[in-house]
C-alpha atoms as a PDB file:
ATOM      1  CA  MET A   1      13.642  -2.659   8.180  1.00  0.00           C
ATOM      2  CA  ARG A   2      14.519   0.406  10.174  1.00  0.00           C
ATOM      3  CA  ARG A   3      16.927   3.100   8.985  1.00  0.00           C
ATOM      4  CA  HIS A   4      17.696   0.996   5.886  1.00  0.00           C
ATOM      5  CA  GLN A   5      18.974  -1.936   7.962  1.00  0.00           C
ATOM      6  CA  TYR A   6      17.540  -5.234   9.197  1.00  0.00           C
ATOM      7  CA  ALA A   7      15.849  -4.789  12.553  1.00  0.00           C
ATOM      8  CA  ASP A   8      13.981  -7.148  14.851  1.00  0.00           C
ATOM      9  CA  VAL A   9      10.347  -6.093  14.649  1.00  0.00           C
ATOM     10  CA  LEU A  10       9.950  -6.581  18.400  1.00  0.00           C
ATOM     11  CA  ASP A  11      12.754  -4.125  19.248  1.00  0.00           C
ATOM     12  CA  ALA A  12      10.672  -1.084  18.285  1.00  0.00           C
ATOM     13  CA  PRO A  13       7.035  -1.988  17.541  1.00  0.00           C
ATOM     14  CA  GLY A  14       5.443   0.530  15.196  1.00  0.00           C
ATOM     15  CA  GLU A  15       8.802   1.939  14.134  1.00  0.00           C
ATOM     16  CA  THR A  16       9.968  -0.973  11.986  1.00  0.00           C
ATOM     17  CA  ASP A  17       8.734  -1.758   8.481  1.00  0.00           C
ATOM     18  CA  LEU A  18       7.437  -5.261   7.953  1.00  0.00           C
ATOM     19  CA  SER A  19       8.251  -6.775   4.575  1.00  0.00           C
ATOM     20  CA  ALA A  20       7.817 -10.340   3.431  1.00  0.00           C
ATOM     21  CA  HIS A  21       7.600 -12.411   0.278  1.00  0.00           C
ATOM     22  CA  VAL A  22       4.006 -13.620   0.267  1.00  0.00           C
ATOM     23  CA  ASP A  23       2.327 -16.300  -1.826  1.00  0.00           C
ATOM     24  CA  PHE A  24      -0.800 -14.227  -2.476  1.00  0.00           C
ATOM     25  CA  GLY A  25      -2.428 -16.989  -4.505  1.00  0.00           C
ATOM     26  CA  ALA A  26      -2.212 -19.394  -1.566  1.00  0.00           C
ATOM     27  CA  LEU A  27      -3.428 -16.677   0.786  1.00  0.00           C
ATOM     28  CA  ALA A  28      -6.439 -15.974  -1.450  1.00  0.00           C
ATOM     29  CA  ASN A  29      -7.243 -19.704  -1.618  1.00  0.00           C
ATOM     30  CA  VAL A  30      -7.212 -19.976   2.175  1.00  0.00           C
ATOM     31  CA  ALA A  31      -9.416 -16.880   2.454  1.00  0.00           C
ATOM     32  CA  ARG A  32     -11.928 -18.286  -0.054  1.00  0.00           C
ATOM     33  CA  ARG A  33     -12.048 -21.640   1.743  1.00  0.00           C
ATOM     34  CA  ALA A  34     -12.855 -19.695   4.918  1.00  0.00           C
ATOM     35  CA  GLY A  35     -15.837 -18.086   3.155  1.00  0.00           C
ATOM     36  CA  LEU A  36     -14.253 -14.759   2.293  1.00  0.00           C
ATOM     37  CA  ALA A  37     -14.007 -12.994  -1.036  1.00  0.00           C
ATOM     38  CA  ALA A  38     -10.543 -12.063  -2.288  1.00  0.00           C
ATOM     39  CA  GLU A  39      -9.915  -9.117  -4.555  1.00  0.00           C
ATOM     40  CA  PRO A  40      -7.459  -9.277  -7.454  1.00  0.00           C
ATOM     41  CA  LEU A  41      -4.025  -8.193  -6.276  1.00  0.00           C
ATOM     42  CA  ALA A  42      -3.256  -4.498  -6.776  1.00  0.00           C
ATOM     43  CA  THR A  43       0.059  -2.720  -6.876  1.00  0.00           C
ATOM     44  CA  GLN A  44       0.639  -0.150  -4.172  1.00  0.00           C
ATOM     45  CA  GLY A  45       0.644   2.539  -6.864  1.00  0.00           C
ATOM     46  CA  GLU A  46      -2.744   1.476  -8.234  1.00  0.00           C
ATOM     47  CA  PHE A  47      -4.224   1.142  -4.754  1.00  0.00           C
ATOM     48  CA  LEU A  48      -3.055   4.530  -3.481  1.00  0.00           C
ATOM     49  CA  THR A  49      -4.067   6.237  -6.717  1.00  0.00           C
ATOM     50  CA  ARG A  50      -7.591   4.827  -6.417  1.00  0.00           C
ATOM     51  CA  LEU A  51      -7.734   6.093  -2.830  1.00  0.00           C
ATOM     52  CA  GLY A  52      -6.852   9.616  -3.985  1.00  0.00           C
ATOM     53  CA  ILE A  53      -3.165  10.051  -3.180  1.00  0.00           C
ATOM     54  CA  GLY A  54      -2.780  12.519  -6.066  1.00  0.00           C
ATOM     55  CA  GLU A  55      -5.526  14.761  -4.758  1.00  0.00           C
ATOM     56  CA  ARG A  56      -4.136  14.550  -1.223  1.00  0.00           C
ATOM     57  CA  ALA A  57      -0.622  15.402  -2.405  1.00  0.00           C
ATOM     58  CA  SER A  58      -1.974  18.406  -4.324  1.00  0.00           C
ATOM     59  CA  ALA A  59      -3.873  19.632  -1.252  1.00  0.00           C
ATOM     60  CA  LEU A  60      -0.788  19.259   0.937  1.00  0.00           C
ATOM     61  CA  SER A  61       1.362  21.101  -1.588  1.00  0.00           C
ATOM     62  CA  ARG A  62      -1.135  23.984  -1.824  1.00  0.00           C
ATOM     63  CA  ALA A  63      -1.359  24.242   1.958  1.00  0.00           C
ATOM     64  CA  ASN A  64       2.438  24.014   2.395  1.00  0.00           C
ATOM     65  CA  PRO A  65       4.100  25.528  -0.683  1.00  0.00           C
ATOM     66  CA  GLY A  66       7.536  25.355   0.943  1.00  0.00           C
ATOM     67  CA  SER A  67       7.203  21.581   1.242  1.00  0.00           C
ATOM     68  CA  ALA A  68       5.761  20.967  -2.229  1.00  0.00           C
ATOM     69  CA  GLY A  69       8.998  19.383  -3.465  1.00  0.00           C
ATOM     70  CA  ASP A  70       9.106  16.982  -0.537  1.00  0.00           C
ATOM     71  CA  VAL A  71       5.430  16.105  -1.028  1.00  0.00           C
ATOM     72  CA  ARG A  72       6.039  15.415  -4.730  1.00  0.00           C
ATOM     73  CA  ALA A  73       9.086  13.247  -3.951  1.00  0.00           C
ATOM     74  CA  ALA A  74       7.144  11.223  -1.360  1.00  0.00           C
ATOM     75  CA  HIS A  75       4.202  10.854  -3.754  1.00  0.00           C
ATOM     76  CA  ASP A  76       6.462   9.641  -6.548  1.00  0.00           C
ATOM     77  CA  ARG A  77       8.306   7.212  -4.259  1.00  0.00           C
ATOM     78  CA  LEU A  78       5.029   5.688  -3.022  1.00  0.00           C
ATOM     79  CA  ILE A  79       3.353   5.216  -6.409  1.00  0.00           C
ATOM     80  CA  GLY A  80       6.176   5.321  -8.962  1.00  0.00           C
ATOM     81  CA  LYS A  81       6.816   2.371 -11.255  1.00  0.00           C
ATOM     82  CA  ASP A  82      10.530   2.529 -10.406  1.00  0.00           C
ATOM     83  CA  GLY A  83       9.882   2.583  -6.665  1.00  0.00           C
ATOM     84  CA  MET A  84       7.443   1.246  -4.162  1.00  0.00           C
ATOM     85  CA  GLY A  85       4.465   1.653  -6.486  1.00  0.00           C
ATOM     86  CA  GLU A  86       5.190  -1.555  -8.398  1.00  0.00           C
ATOM     87  CA  LEU A  87       7.360  -3.373  -5.874  1.00  0.00           C
ATOM     88  CA  PHE A  88       4.730  -3.607  -3.143  1.00  0.00           C
ATOM     89  CA  LYS A  89       1.348  -5.268  -3.554  1.00  0.00           C
ATOM     90  CA  VAL A  90      -1.974  -4.885  -1.751  1.00  0.00           C
ATOM     91  CA  PHE A  91      -4.163  -7.866  -0.902  1.00  0.00           C
ATOM     92  CA  CYS A  92      -7.716  -7.728   0.421  1.00  0.00           C
ATOM     93  CA  ALA A  93      -9.871 -10.549   1.750  1.00  0.00           C
ATOM     94  CA  HIS A  94     -13.304  -9.485   2.942  1.00  0.00           C
ATOM     95  CA  SER A  95     -16.844 -10.542   3.678  1.00  0.00           C
ATOM     96  CA  PRO A  96     -18.718 -11.323   0.464  1.00  0.00           C
ATOM     97  CA  GLY A  97     -20.811  -8.446  -0.846  1.00  0.00           C
ATOM     98  CA  LEU A  98     -18.521  -5.666   0.341  1.00  0.00           C
ATOM     99  CA  ALA A  99     -16.774  -3.298  -2.053  1.00  0.00           C
ATOM    100  CA  PRO A 100     -13.451  -2.450  -0.393  1.00  0.00           C
ATOM    101  CA  ALA A 101     -12.010   0.977  -1.144  1.00  0.00           C
ATOM    102  CA  GLY A 102      -8.997   1.026  -3.433  1.00  0.00           C
ATOM    103  CA  PHE A 103      -9.944  -2.051  -5.421  1.00  0.00           C
ATOM    104  CA  VAL A 104     -11.671  -2.195  -8.814  1.00  0.00           C
ATOM    105  CA  PRO A 105     -15.416  -2.795  -8.340  1.00  0.00           C
END
């Protein structure tokens, strides 16, 4: 998606959002068969919260008081239950023994 419309991802690499319906269970099974560990699926909101998005948003707001409203709106859109926070999911397959950031240990 680009500018709220369908766009060919190859028309503007890096400027077009990639979205897909993914069978995460099948993806995790393939990863495990390849010898990887697969973390339980996280929502985008959970993942970004664990990475410290709230603290980062607060720091940005303090450093740029005139943009605090925009920072809050972006924060809420990214992690909110009515927005991208629940709609989008985060999947992680990794070498066994690692503890990837943003996932519950």
